[in-house]
Amino acid sequence: MPDYTACAYKITDLNETVIKCLEFIGANKLINRDTRIFIKPNFTFPYFKQGITTNPELLIMVLRYLREFSSHIIVGESDGGNSSFSANDSFKGHDLVEICKELDVKLVNLSQVDSVMIEEEIVDKKVAVELPRLLVEDVDCFISMPVLKVHVMTTVTLSIKNLWGCYPDTMRCLHHKHLGHKLALITKYVKPKLVIVDGICALDGHGPMFGTAKQLDLILGSNNPVVADALGSTIMGFTPRSIQHLRIAEDAGLGTLDLSQVTLNSDCTNFQYKFNSRKTIIDRLSVLLFENEGLAKLVMQSPLTPMIYGVASCLRTSQEKEVNRQMKV
């Protein structure tokens, strides 16, 4: 069995805690001056929002640590779903242009680079995904940096769900059918070797775009994405095997959800919370689109789309309306 490690630390000094976390999961042994590193934060909003997007201060600390080892570092993200915003807007909204310039780190919009289609059978289901060629062919160490948050459709969105943002098509919402299998396929090909979960401010109550932000001051880490998500979902009060995309990833041999098989730091058992997500009317209707690509295209990309969106706007909660307004800023 692989040597799985994972940790959860309460932040004292952010920089010191980041170093402690990265070294516990073996980053200092994994990378060197020739290692080509790619970091995928969660920038699912055009600017920083606590509990929703990866904290830029945390990203800065991780980048500073990695730059001591390697000069080949890329931070990347795809355009927002459903043509809501560009990754370039999100980079600006998170101060990444200045941060990466200062640290001599490259920024890449994954929706603007060459891509490749990958098709393979995952846990008895044949699925296909589109991925930037860069991630498949030119990266030695992929690092996922998600936020600790719930998701109304997938229960949690942690390191594996964060990889859906590697799908370069802004209309990836049309490809949600068999999402758990597709996430496993993406995980298999980008091969995340390190995970740092931003639990400084977590998201409860809805997710992924709005909910109740909770100040936890936590950083989670692992050398395996399945293990990282097992730890994160357990801390949030969920049973990892009950979450479909995590169960598929484990069944595909990408890691373990059994934390008894993982080397943990002594602090992990001290953090236990009870997170939950509550679906709105729009969420309940959107479930239909997850498993029916034809219906998804009719709703989101057809001559009927403006009329359907007009009707949907009458059903949105005040929070959903506010998110839509902010996404257009």
Foldseek 3Di string as FASTA:
>chain_A
DDAKAKEKDFDDDLLVVLVVRCVRQPVVPQAAAPAAEEEEWQLLFLADDFQATFQLVNVLSNLVVCLVGYLRYEYEFAQHALNLGGVVSSCVRNVVVVSCVVSVYHYDHLLPAAKDKDWDDFPNRIDIAIAHVCLQPPHDAYEYEYELEQAQQQGTCFRLNSLLRRRHDSNCLLVLAVVLRVSLVSCVRSVHQKYKYHHCWHAFAHDNQDHDIHGDSMIMMIRAPLCRVLLSCQLQPDHQCVGRSSVSNVVRVRDDSDCVSHHYDPCSVVRHHHGGYDDFPVRVVSSVSSNDSVVVCVCSPDPCPVVNVVVVVVRDDPVVVVSSVSSND
